[in-house]
C-alpha atoms as a PDB file:
ATOM      1  CA  UNK A   1     138.211  23.645  48.786  1.00  0.00           C
ATOM      2  CA  UNK A   2     138.395  20.032  48.019  1.00  0.00           C
ATOM      3  CA  UNK A   3     135.076  18.755  45.936  1.00  0.00           C
ATOM      4  CA  UNK A   4     132.847  21.108  47.800  1.00  0.00           C
ATOM      5  CA  UNK A   5     130.711  23.710  45.161  1.00  0.00           C
ATOM      6  CA  UNK A   6     132.147  26.519  44.425  1.00  0.00           C
ATOM      7  CA  UNK A   7     130.847  29.791  46.564  1.00  0.00           C
ATOM      8  CA  UNK A   8     128.924  32.792  45.477  1.00  0.00           C
ATOM      9  CA  UNK A   9     128.197  35.972  47.299  1.00  0.00           C
ATOM     10  CA  UNK A  10     124.338  36.705  47.590  1.00  0.00           C
ATOM     11  CA  UNK A  11     123.250  39.913  49.005  1.00  0.00           C
ATOM     12  CA  UNK A  12     120.096  39.655  51.287  1.00  0.00           C
ATOM     13  CA  UNK A  13     118.855  42.825  52.497  1.00  0.00           C
ATOM     14  CA  UNK A  14     121.859  44.821  54.154  1.00  0.00           C
ATOM     15  CA  UNK A  15     124.185  41.578  54.536  1.00  0.00           C
ATOM     16  CA  UNK A  16     126.093  39.374  51.578  1.00  0.00           C
ATOM     17  CA  UNK A  17     126.067  35.595  52.345  1.00  0.00           C
ATOM     18  CA  UNK A  18     128.755  32.854  50.828  1.00  0.00           C
ATOM     19  CA  UNK A  19     126.588  30.636  49.846  1.00  0.00           C
ATOM     20  CA  UNK A  20     127.510  26.998  48.390  1.00  0.00           C
ATOM     21  CA  UNK A  21     124.699  25.450  46.221  1.00  0.00           C
ATOM     22  CA  UNK A  22     124.246  22.026  44.714  1.00  0.00           C
ATOM     23  CA  UNK A  23     121.546  20.366  42.261  1.00  0.00           C
ATOM     24  CA  UNK A  24     118.803  22.034  41.077  1.00  0.00           C
ATOM     25  CA  UNK A  25     115.107  21.713  40.593  1.00  0.00           C
ATOM     26  CA  UNK A  26     114.401  19.434  43.688  1.00  0.00           C
ATOM     27  CA  UNK A  27     113.290  20.342  46.893  1.00  0.00           C
ATOM     28  CA  UNK A  28     115.148  22.928  48.605  1.00  0.00           C
ATOM     29  CA  UNK A  29     117.312  22.096  51.420  1.00  0.00           C
ATOM     30  CA  UNK A  30     118.904  24.682  53.555  1.00  0.00           C
ATOM     31  CA  UNK A  31     121.999  23.469  55.593  1.00  0.00           C
ATOM     32  CA  UNK A  32     122.722  25.953  58.569  1.00  0.00           C
ATOM     33  CA  UNK A  33     126.239  25.256  60.104  1.00  0.00           C
ATOM     34  CA  UNK A  34     126.946  25.823  64.218  1.00  0.00           C
ATOM     35  CA  UNK A  35     129.822  27.018  66.375  1.00  0.00           C
ATOM     36  CA  UNK A  36     132.350  27.416  65.658  1.00  0.00           C
ATOM     37  CA  UNK A  37     131.830  25.554  61.894  1.00  0.00           C
ATOM     38  CA  UNK A  38     131.739  26.721  57.992  1.00  0.00           C
ATOM     39  CA  UNK A  39     129.383  25.596  55.129  1.00  0.00           C
ATOM     40  CA  UNK A  40     131.853  23.051  54.706  1.00  0.00           C
ATOM     41  CA  UNK A  41     130.884  21.138  57.801  1.00  0.00           C
ATOM     42  CA  UNK A  42     128.016  19.679  55.623  1.00  0.00           C
ATOM     43  CA  UNK A  43     130.558  18.332  52.701  1.00  0.00           C
ATOM     44  CA  UNK A  44     129.768  14.751  53.448  1.00  0.00           C
ATOM     45  CA  UNK A  45     126.072  15.318  53.423  1.00  0.00           C
ATOM     46  CA  UNK A  46     125.884  17.202  50.057  1.00  0.00           C
ATOM     47  CA  UNK A  47     126.572  14.456  47.641  1.00  0.00           C
ATOM     48  CA  UNK A  48     123.964  11.928  49.238  1.00  0.00           C
ATOM     49  CA  UNK A  49     121.443  14.739  48.830  1.00  0.00           C
ATOM     50  CA  UNK A  50     121.973  15.985  45.474  1.00  0.00           C
ATOM     51  CA  UNK A  51     122.102  12.153  44.447  1.00  0.00           C
ATOM     52  CA  UNK A  52     117.988  12.251  45.885  1.00  0.00           C
ATOM     53  CA  UNK A  53     117.275  14.777  43.967  1.00  0.00           C
ATOM     54  CA  UNK A  54     117.654  17.634  46.410  1.00  0.00           C
ATOM     55  CA  UNK A  55     118.247  21.425  45.853  1.00  0.00           C
ATOM     56  CA  UNK A  56     120.713  21.837  48.646  1.00  0.00           C
ATOM     57  CA  UNK A  57     121.908  25.486  49.573  1.00  0.00           C
ATOM     58  CA  UNK A  58     124.535  25.901  52.566  1.00  0.00           C
ATOM     59  CA  UNK A  59     125.288  29.260  53.534  1.00  0.00           C
ATOM     60  CA  UNK A  60     128.221  30.627  55.455  1.00  0.00           C
ATOM     61  CA  UNK A  61     125.838  32.592  58.022  1.00  0.00           C
ATOM     62  CA  UNK A  62     127.076  36.120  58.987  1.00  0.00           C
ATOM     63  CA  UNK A  63     130.005  36.443  60.765  1.00  0.00           C
ATOM     64  CA  UNK A  64     131.199  33.232  59.200  1.00  0.00           C
ATOM     65  CA  UNK A  65     133.674  32.690  56.132  1.00  0.00           C
ATOM     66  CA  UNK A  66     133.259  35.705  53.435  1.00  0.00           C
ATOM     67  CA  UNK A  67     130.104  36.342  54.351  1.00  0.00           C
ATOM     68  CA  UNK A  68     129.152  40.095  56.529  1.00  0.00           C
ATOM     69  CA  UNK A  69     130.371  40.603  59.782  1.00  0.00           C
ATOM     70  CA  UNK A  70     128.225  43.774  60.848  1.00  0.00           C
ATOM     71  CA  UNK A  71     129.746  45.553  64.053  1.00  0.00           C
ATOM     72  CA  UNK A  72     127.072  45.425  66.172  1.00  0.00           C
ATOM     73  CA  UNK A  73     126.354  43.030  68.424  1.00  0.00           C
ATOM     74  CA  UNK A  74     122.590  43.029  67.971  1.00  0.00           C
ATOM     75  CA  UNK A  75     123.341  42.362  63.990  1.00  0.00           C
ATOM     76  CA  UNK A  76     123.344  38.883  65.224  1.00  0.00           C
ATOM     77  CA  UNK A  77     120.309  38.284  66.770  1.00  0.00           C
ATOM     78  CA  UNK A  78     117.621  35.605  66.346  1.00  0.00           C
ATOM     79  CA  UNK A  79     115.184  37.902  64.136  1.00  0.00           C
ATOM     80  CA  UNK A  80     118.372  39.524  61.848  1.00  0.00           C
ATOM     81  CA  UNK A  81     119.687  35.675  61.257  1.00  0.00           C
ATOM     82  CA  UNK A  82     116.462  34.346  60.163  1.00  0.00           C
ATOM     83  CA  UNK A  83     115.782  37.350  57.906  1.00  0.00           C
ATOM     84  CA  UNK A  84     118.942  36.510  56.149  1.00  0.00           C
ATOM     85  CA  UNK A  85     116.862  32.977  55.431  1.00  0.00           C
ATOM     86  CA  UNK A  86     114.176  34.538  53.931  1.00  0.00           C
ATOM     87  CA  UNK A  87     116.194  37.018  52.275  1.00  0.00           C
ATOM     88  CA  UNK A  88     118.076  33.787  50.683  1.00  0.00           C
ATOM     89  CA  UNK A  89     114.715  32.192  50.088  1.00  0.00           C
ATOM     90  CA  UNK A  90     113.315  35.060  47.930  1.00  0.00           C
ATOM     91  CA  UNK A  91     116.661  35.789  45.959  1.00  0.00           C
ATOM     92  CA  UNK A  92     116.537  32.204  44.591  1.00  0.00           C
ATOM     93  CA  UNK A  93     112.667  32.523  44.291  1.00  0.00           C
ATOM     94  CA  UNK A  94     111.854  29.811  46.861  1.00  0.00           C
ATOM     95  CA  UNK A  95     108.537  30.113  48.951  1.00  0.00           C
ATOM     96  CA  UNK A  96     109.673  27.357  51.449  1.00  0.00           C
ATOM     97  CA  UNK A  97     112.161  25.152  52.465  1.00  0.00           C
ATOM     98  CA  UNK A  98     113.336  22.343  54.549  1.00  0.00           C
ATOM     99  CA  UNK A  99     116.070  23.789  57.293  1.00  0.00           C
ATOM    100  CA  UNK A 100     118.699  21.279  58.466  1.00  0.00           C
ATOM    101  CA  UNK A 101     120.734  22.648  61.379  1.00  0.00           C
ATOM    102  CA  UNK A 102     123.034  22.143  63.492  1.00  0.00           C
ATOM    103  CA  UNK A 103     124.646  23.180  66.679  1.00  0.00           C
ATOM    104  CA  UNK A 104     123.619  27.042  66.961  1.00  0.00           C
ATOM    105  CA  UNK A 105     122.526  26.253  63.195  1.00  0.00           C
ATOM    106  CA  UNK A 106     119.706  23.992  65.232  1.00  0.00           C
ATOM    107  CA  UNK A 107     118.886  26.924  67.748  1.00  0.00           C
ATOM    108  CA  UNK A 108     118.287  29.360  64.689  1.00  0.00           C
ATOM    109  CA  UNK A 109     116.699  27.066  62.468  1.00  0.00           C
ATOM    110  CA  UNK A 110     114.248  26.296  66.064  1.00  0.00           C
ATOM    111  CA  UNK A 111     113.624  30.268  66.229  1.00  0.00           C
ATOM    112  CA  UNK A 112     113.044  30.153  62.625  1.00  0.00           C
ATOM    113  CA  UNK A 113     110.264  28.039  62.632  1.00  0.00           C
ATOM    114  CA  UNK A 114     108.684  29.875  65.405  1.00  0.00           C
ATOM    115  CA  UNK A 115     109.108  33.418  63.667  1.00  0.00           C
ATOM    116  CA  UNK A 116     108.691  32.527  59.890  1.00  0.00           C
ATOM    117  CA  UNK A 117     106.625  29.252  60.223  1.00  0.00           C
ATOM    118  CA  UNK A 118     105.461  30.276  56.472  1.00  0.00           C
ATOM    119  CA  UNK A 119     108.953  30.031  54.743  1.00  0.00           C
ATOM    120  CA  UNK A 120     109.595  26.149  56.707  1.00  0.00           C
ATOM    121  CA  UNK A 121     107.873  23.058  54.973  1.00  0.00           C
ATOM    122  CA  UNK A 122     110.132  20.747  57.771  1.00  0.00           C
ATOM    123  CA  UNK A 123     112.699  20.736  60.145  1.00  0.00           C
ATOM    124  CA  UNK A 124     115.708  18.458  60.679  1.00  0.00           C
ATOM    125  CA  UNK A 125     118.030  18.871  63.984  1.00  0.00           C
ATOM    126  CA  UNK A 126     121.137  17.701  65.064  1.00  0.00           C
ATOM    127  CA  UNK A 127     122.721  18.208  68.481  1.00  0.00           C
ATOM    128  CA  UNK A 128     120.512  20.745  69.862  1.00  0.00           C
ATOM    129  CA  UNK A 129     117.071  20.132  70.824  1.00  0.00           C
ATOM    130  CA  UNK A 130     113.959  22.819  71.091  1.00  0.00           C
ATOM    131  CA  UNK A 131     113.844  24.745  74.352  1.00  0.00           C
ATOM    132  CA  UNK A 132     111.178  26.989  75.298  1.00  0.00           C
ATOM    133  CA  UNK A 133     111.594  30.411  76.112  1.00  0.00           C
ATOM    134  CA  UNK A 134     113.100  30.529  79.674  1.00  0.00           C
ATOM    135  CA  UNK A 135     111.095  32.205  82.317  1.00  0.00           C
ATOM    136  CA  UNK A 136     114.115  34.338  83.354  1.00  0.00           C
ATOM    137  CA  UNK A 137     117.201  35.573  81.734  1.00  0.00           C
ATOM    138  CA  UNK A 138     119.062  32.583  80.418  1.00  0.00           C
ATOM    139  CA  UNK A 139     122.386  33.975  80.913  1.00  0.00           C
ATOM    140  CA  UNK A 140     121.793  35.481  84.252  1.00  0.00           C
ATOM    141  CA  UNK A 141     120.648  31.952  85.311  1.00  0.00           C
ATOM    142  CA  UNK A 142     123.873  30.171  83.787  1.00  0.00           C
ATOM    143  CA  UNK A 143     125.703  32.909  85.809  1.00  0.00           C
ATOM    144  CA  UNK A 144     124.274  32.054  89.189  1.00  0.00           C
ATOM    145  CA  UNK A 145     124.066  28.297  88.464  1.00  0.00           C
ATOM    146  CA  UNK A 146     127.352  28.097  86.845  1.00  0.00           C
ATOM    147  CA  UNK A 147     129.638  30.972  87.565  1.00  0.00           C
ATOM    148  CA  UNK A 148     131.116  33.783  85.466  1.00  0.00           C
ATOM    149  CA  UNK A 149     133.575  31.153  83.997  1.00  0.00           C
ATOM    150  CA  UNK A 150     131.187  29.187  82.445  1.00  0.00           C
ATOM    151  CA  UNK A 151     131.819  29.914  78.325  1.00  0.00           C
ATOM    152  CA  UNK A 152     128.409  31.532  77.434  1.00  0.00           C
ATOM    153  CA  UNK A 153     128.749  33.847  80.560  1.00  0.00           C
ATOM    154  CA  UNK A 154     132.468  34.307  79.666  1.00  0.00           C
ATOM    155  CA  UNK A 155     131.554  35.452  76.023  1.00  0.00           C
ATOM    156  CA  UNK A 156     129.043  37.988  77.401  1.00  0.00           C
ATOM    157  CA  UNK A 157     130.652  39.295  80.463  1.00  0.00           C
ATOM    158  CA  UNK A 158     134.110  39.323  79.099  1.00  0.00           C
ATOM    159  CA  UNK A 159     133.582  40.189  75.497  1.00  0.00           C
ATOM    160  CA  UNK A 160     136.293  39.708  73.480  1.00  0.00           C
ATOM    161  CA  UNK A 161     138.654  37.947  75.720  1.00  0.00           C
ATOM    162  CA  UNK A 162     137.583  34.271  74.135  1.00  0.00           C
ATOM    163  CA  UNK A 163     137.969  35.474  70.333  1.00  0.00           C
ATOM    164  CA  UNK A 164     141.506  36.625  70.641  1.00  0.00           C
ATOM    165  CA  UNK A 165     142.294  33.678  72.564  1.00  0.00           C
ATOM    166  CA  UNK A 166     141.240  31.568  69.805  1.00  0.00           C
ATOM    167  CA  UNK A 167     142.710  33.979  66.949  1.00  0.00           C
ATOM    168  CA  UNK A 168     145.896  33.482  68.521  1.00  0.00           C
ATOM    169  CA  UNK A 169     146.331  29.916  67.244  1.00  0.00           C
ATOM    170  CA  UNK A 170     143.771  29.131  65.326  1.00  0.00           C
ATOM    171  CA  UNK A 171     145.032  25.582  64.169  1.00  0.00           C
ATOM    172  CA  UNK A 172     145.319  24.327  67.976  1.00  0.00           C
ATOM    173  CA  UNK A 173     142.045  25.541  68.899  1.00  0.00           C
ATOM    174  CA  UNK A 174     140.243  23.904  66.147  1.00  0.00           C
ATOM    175  CA  UNK A 175     142.322  20.815  66.076  1.00  0.00           C
ATOM    176  CA  UNK A 176     141.222  20.578  69.916  1.00  0.00           C
ATOM    177  CA  UNK A 177     137.876  21.817  69.213  1.00  0.00           C
ATOM    178  CA  UNK A 178     137.112  18.987  66.337  1.00  0.00           C
ATOM    179  CA  UNK A 179     137.308  15.982  68.126  1.00  0.00           C
ATOM    180  CA  UNK A 180     135.355  12.813  68.315  1.00  0.00           C
ATOM    181  CA  UNK A 181     134.895  12.498  72.658  1.00  0.00           C
ATOM    182  CA  UNK A 182     134.986  16.143  73.283  1.00  0.00           C
ATOM    183  CA  UNK A 183     135.343  16.748  77.313  1.00  0.00           C
ATOM    184  CA  UNK A 184     133.481  13.714  77.336  1.00  0.00           C
ATOM    185  CA  UNK A 185     136.131  11.954  79.711  1.00  0.00           C
ATOM    186  CA  UNK A 186     136.750  15.106  81.954  1.00  0.00           C
ATOM    187  CA  UNK A 187     133.168  14.801  83.253  1.00  0.00           C
ATOM    188  CA  UNK A 188     132.255  18.004  82.356  1.00  0.00           C
ATOM    189  CA  UNK A 189     129.011  18.293  80.245  1.00  0.00           C
ATOM    190  CA  UNK A 190     130.219  21.702  79.092  1.00  0.00           C
ATOM    191  CA  UNK A 191     133.404  23.853  79.147  1.00  0.00           C
ATOM    192  CA  UNK A 192     133.956  26.554  81.680  1.00  0.00           C
ATOM    193  CA  UNK A 193     134.860  29.934  80.032  1.00  0.00           C
ATOM    194  CA  UNK A 194     138.933  29.661  81.291  1.00  0.00           C
ATOM    195  CA  UNK A 195     138.782  25.919  79.920  1.00  0.00           C
ATOM    196  CA  UNK A 196     137.475  26.873  76.388  1.00  0.00           C
ATOM    197  CA  UNK A 197     140.354  29.496  75.958  1.00  0.00           C
ATOM    198  CA  UNK A 198     142.735  26.881  77.110  1.00  0.00           C
ATOM    199  CA  UNK A 199     141.790  24.815  73.928  1.00  0.00           C
ATOM    200  CA  UNK A 200     143.830  27.461  72.127  1.00  0.00           C
ATOM    201  CA  UNK A 201     146.683  27.179  74.892  1.00  0.00           C
ATOM    202  CA  UNK A 202     146.925  23.427  75.477  1.00  0.00           C
ATOM    203  CA  UNK A 203     147.012  20.469  72.974  1.00  0.00           C
ATOM    204  CA  UNK A 204     143.950  18.138  73.976  1.00  0.00           C
ATOM    205  CA  UNK A 205     145.081  14.774  74.007  1.00  0.00           C
ATOM    206  CA  UNK A 206     141.825  12.809  74.427  1.00  0.00           C
ATOM    207  CA  UNK A 207     139.584  11.640  71.624  1.00  0.00           C
ATOM    208  CA  UNK A 208     140.309  11.781  68.020  1.00  0.00           C
ATOM    209  CA  UNK A 209     140.650  14.324  65.077  1.00  0.00           C
ATOM    210  CA  UNK A 210     136.990  13.647  63.254  1.00  0.00           C
ATOM    211  CA  UNK A 211     138.707  15.050  59.969  1.00  0.00           C
ATOM    212  CA  UNK A 212     141.661  14.637  57.691  1.00  0.00           C
ATOM    213  CA  UNK A 213     144.062  16.982  58.035  1.00  0.00           C
ATOM    214  CA  UNK A 214     143.238  18.499  54.457  1.00  0.00           C
ATOM    215  CA  UNK A 215     140.049  19.117  55.756  1.00  0.00           C
ATOM    216  CA  UNK A 216     141.140  20.830  58.687  1.00  0.00           C
ATOM    217  CA  UNK A 217     142.976  23.114  56.267  1.00  0.00           C
ATOM    218  CA  UNK A 218     139.584  24.491  54.944  1.00  0.00           C
ATOM    219  CA  UNK A 219     138.306  25.382  58.698  1.00  0.00           C
ATOM    220  CA  UNK A 220     141.727  26.737  59.477  1.00  0.00           C
ATOM    221  CA  UNK A 221     141.794  29.279  56.253  1.00  0.00           C
ATOM    222  CA  UNK A 222     138.264  30.360  56.839  1.00  0.00           C
ATOM    223  CA  UNK A 223     138.645  31.353  60.505  1.00  0.00           C
ATOM    224  CA  UNK A 224     142.043  32.797  59.521  1.00  0.00           C
ATOM    225  CA  UNK A 225     139.806  35.230  57.321  1.00  0.00           C
ATOM    226  CA  UNK A 226     136.764  35.547  59.640  1.00  0.00           C
ATOM    227  CA  UNK A 227     138.258  35.362  63.106  1.00  0.00           C
ATOM    228  CA  UNK A 228     136.035  34.900  65.846  1.00  0.00           C
ATOM    229  CA  UNK A 229     134.556  37.705  67.196  1.00  0.00           C
ATOM    230  CA  UNK A 230     131.595  37.802  64.983  1.00  0.00           C
ATOM    231  CA  UNK A 231     130.733  34.046  65.669  1.00  0.00           C
ATOM    232  CA  UNK A 232     130.753  34.808  69.494  1.00  0.00           C
ATOM    233  CA  UNK A 233     128.842  37.450  68.923  1.00  0.00           C
ATOM    234  CA  UNK A 234     125.678  34.884  68.443  1.00  0.00           C
ATOM    235  CA  UNK A 235     126.224  34.138  72.341  1.00  0.00           C
ATOM    236  CA  UNK A 236     126.029  37.576  73.192  1.00  0.00           C
ATOM    237  CA  UNK A 237     122.539  37.349  71.821  1.00  0.00           C
ATOM    238  CA  UNK A 238     120.858  35.111  74.327  1.00  0.00           C
ATOM    239  CA  UNK A 239     119.331  37.733  76.378  1.00  0.00           C
ATOM    240  CA  UNK A 240     117.985  39.579  73.435  1.00  0.00           C
ATOM    241  CA  UNK A 241     116.765  36.742  72.026  1.00  0.00           C
ATOM    242  CA  UNK A 242     114.695  36.109  75.356  1.00  0.00           C
ATOM    243  CA  UNK A 243     113.839  39.722  75.583  1.00  0.00           C
ATOM    244  CA  UNK A 244     112.056  40.126  72.052  1.00  0.00           C
ATOM    245  CA  UNK A 245     110.283  36.683  71.712  1.00  0.00           C
ATOM    246  CA  UNK A 246     108.165  36.637  75.027  1.00  0.00           C
ATOM    247  CA  UNK A 247     105.045  37.322  72.846  1.00  0.00           C
ATOM    248  CA  UNK A 248     106.289  34.328  70.386  1.00  0.00           C
ATOM    249  CA  UNK A 249     104.327  31.307  70.801  1.00  0.00           C
ATOM    250  CA  UNK A 250     106.641  28.385  71.829  1.00  0.00           C
ATOM    251  CA  UNK A 251     105.330  25.719  69.465  1.00  0.00           C
ATOM    252  CA  UNK A 252     106.580  24.242  66.416  1.00  0.00           C
ATOM    253  CA  UNK A 253     103.974  23.204  63.667  1.00  0.00           C
ATOM    254  CA  UNK A 254     106.369  21.486  61.195  1.00  0.00           C
ATOM    255  CA  UNK A 255     107.160  17.798  60.963  1.00  0.00           C
ATOM    256  CA  UNK A 256     110.557  17.537  62.466  1.00  0.00           C
ATOM    257  CA  UNK A 257     113.344  15.180  62.852  1.00  0.00           C
ATOM    258  CA  UNK A 258     115.881  15.387  66.079  1.00  0.00           C
ATOM    259  CA  UNK A 259     119.219  13.437  65.522  1.00  0.00           C
ATOM    260  CA  UNK A 260     121.383  13.498  69.075  1.00  0.00           C
ATOM    261  CA  UNK A 261     125.177  12.431  69.492  1.00  0.00           C
ATOM    262  CA  UNK A 262     125.103   9.978  72.379  1.00  0.00           C
ATOM    263  CA  UNK A 263     128.371  11.322  73.777  1.00  0.00           C
ATOM    264  CA  UNK A 264     127.188  14.807  72.844  1.00  0.00           C
ATOM    265  CA  UNK A 265     127.999  17.691  75.653  1.00  0.00           C
ATOM    266  CA  UNK A 266     123.973  18.997  74.883  1.00  0.00           C
ATOM    267  CA  UNK A 267     121.764  17.066  76.959  1.00  0.00           C
ATOM    268  CA  UNK A 268     118.685  15.530  75.253  1.00  0.00           C
ATOM    269  CA  UNK A 269     115.702  17.303  76.126  1.00  0.00           C
ATOM    270  CA  UNK A 270     111.613  16.128  76.121  1.00  0.00           C
ATOM    271  CA  UNK A 271     110.043  18.463  73.740  1.00  0.00           C
ATOM    272  CA  UNK A 272     106.557  16.910  74.393  1.00  0.00           C
ATOM    273  CA  UNK A 273     103.934  19.683  73.910  1.00  0.00           C
ATOM    274  CA  UNK A 274     106.323  22.018  71.830  1.00  0.00           C
ATOM    275  CA  UNK A 275     107.096  19.947  68.836  1.00  0.00           C
ATOM    276  CA  UNK A 276     104.401  17.588  68.366  1.00  0.00           C
ATOM    277  CA  UNK A 277     105.168  16.053  65.022  1.00  0.00           C
ATOM    278  CA  UNK A 278     108.716  14.569  65.990  1.00  0.00           C
ATOM    279  CA  UNK A 279     110.956  11.693  65.263  1.00  0.00           C
ATOM    280  CA  UNK A 280     113.863  11.330  67.220  1.00  0.00           C
ATOM    281  CA  UNK A 281     117.179   9.501  66.595  1.00  0.00           C
ATOM    282  CA  UNK A 282     120.466   8.759  68.656  1.00  0.00           C
ATOM    283  CA  UNK A 283     123.968   7.903  67.356  1.00  0.00           C
ATOM    284  CA  UNK A 284     126.767   6.745  68.849  1.00  0.00           C
ATOM    285  CA  UNK A 285     128.826   9.937  68.536  1.00  0.00           C
ATOM    286  CA  UNK A 286     129.841  13.208  70.217  1.00  0.00           C
ATOM    287  CA  UNK A 287     128.683  16.855  69.222  1.00  0.00           C
ATOM    288  CA  UNK A 288     130.066  16.909  65.418  1.00  0.00           C
ATOM    289  CA  UNK A 289     126.966  14.476  64.512  1.00  0.00           C
ATOM    290  CA  UNK A 290     126.898  14.741  60.501  1.00  0.00           C
ATOM    291  CA  UNK A 291     131.212  14.939  60.418  1.00  0.00           C
ATOM    292  CA  UNK A 292     131.648  11.900  62.558  1.00  0.00           C
ATOM    293  CA  UNK A 293     128.860   9.657  61.600  1.00  0.00           C
ATOM    294  CA  UNK A 294     128.425  10.681  57.949  1.00  0.00           C
ATOM    295  CA  UNK A 295     126.842   7.834  56.605  1.00  0.00           C
ATOM    296  CA  UNK A 296     124.159   7.072  59.626  1.00  0.00           C
ATOM    297  CA  UNK A 297     123.405  10.821  59.490  1.00  0.00           C
ATOM    298  CA  UNK A 298     122.881  10.628  55.816  1.00  0.00           C
ATOM    299  CA  UNK A 299     120.723   6.865  56.217  1.00  0.00           C
ATOM    300  CA  UNK A 300     118.650   8.883  58.997  1.00  0.00           C
ATOM    301  CA  UNK A 301     118.082  12.154  57.226  1.00  0.00           C
ATOM    302  CA  UNK A 302     117.268  10.870  53.733  1.00  0.00           C
ATOM    303  CA  UNK A 303     114.739   8.354  54.758  1.00  0.00           C
ATOM    304  CA  UNK A 304     112.973  10.918  57.064  1.00  0.00           C
ATOM    305  CA  UNK A 305     113.191  13.486  53.568  1.00  0.00           C
ATOM    306  CA  UNK A 306     112.043  10.973  51.599  1.00  0.00           C
ATOM    307  CA  UNK A 307     109.391   9.739  53.515  1.00  0.00           C
ATOM    308  CA  UNK A 308     108.007  13.110  55.075  1.00  0.00           C
ATOM    309  CA  UNK A 309     109.030  15.729  52.593  1.00  0.00           C
ATOM    310  CA  UNK A 310     108.755  14.744  49.266  1.00  0.00           C
ATOM    311  CA  UNK A 311     104.922  14.310  49.505  1.00  0.00           C
ATOM    312  CA  UNK A 312     104.431  17.956  50.741  1.00  0.00           C
ATOM    313  CA  UNK A 313     106.335  19.112  47.735  1.00  0.00           C
ATOM    314  CA  UNK A 314     104.462  16.755  44.975  1.00  0.00           C
END
């Protein structure tokens, strides 16, 4: 896998995670990837973080790569997914770590901060801001406002359809997804279900592939192995996550860093009142922030880590 760390399989409760580690003895950082990604999406950050003395821990989360793929949809809810973080820290003998997330990884890290605050020293998230629990079922709301073809609604109401389409042409789907200005020039903020399925059927011309062909092969090989059904199950837990977190206080108490992409389809959000100790940066890029702007991302992340996290661990 190019110059990426070698994987190891680690048992965490009822599942096994494929984990990539680098550095030792320093402050532990858990890097959480999003959808449809892989631990390899953090390839640009690992050397920079290790060079600064951090212990970097990068799991392929359940459903991805060679990690376990439980059959039950509810196995991918926020409680099960964040319990994997706890189990991973337990196996490695780590009391608490700094968690860094992108896309769905950011969603899970925000949940982790609410559900297991004692295991977190700090939060650094990319693309997806903290959103407090909605007053109503979010999938039903999106269906009413955006229709059945909105991609999250589509994944929930027509389970398996999109995953099958993605698996029919993994190379083309990922080549279309991993572009520098994804959906931006269409004027859409989010893809509809039928348009995201078309990403496996029709080549997208707008934007540029934001990685080399050699790097793309790593993602293609991983999804040729794992498929897309389990990763799509993360989306099928929006309603369950909403139902099971009614009593959870919507307050992130940890020092937090947020990095947005100026041209990301995920909108920026005012987190005042929910994430009080917050620092925000915006980069001139699309959704795949740490891959599109690795040097800029590393600079912001390391400056914040060195300034805010190192004193907590000394």
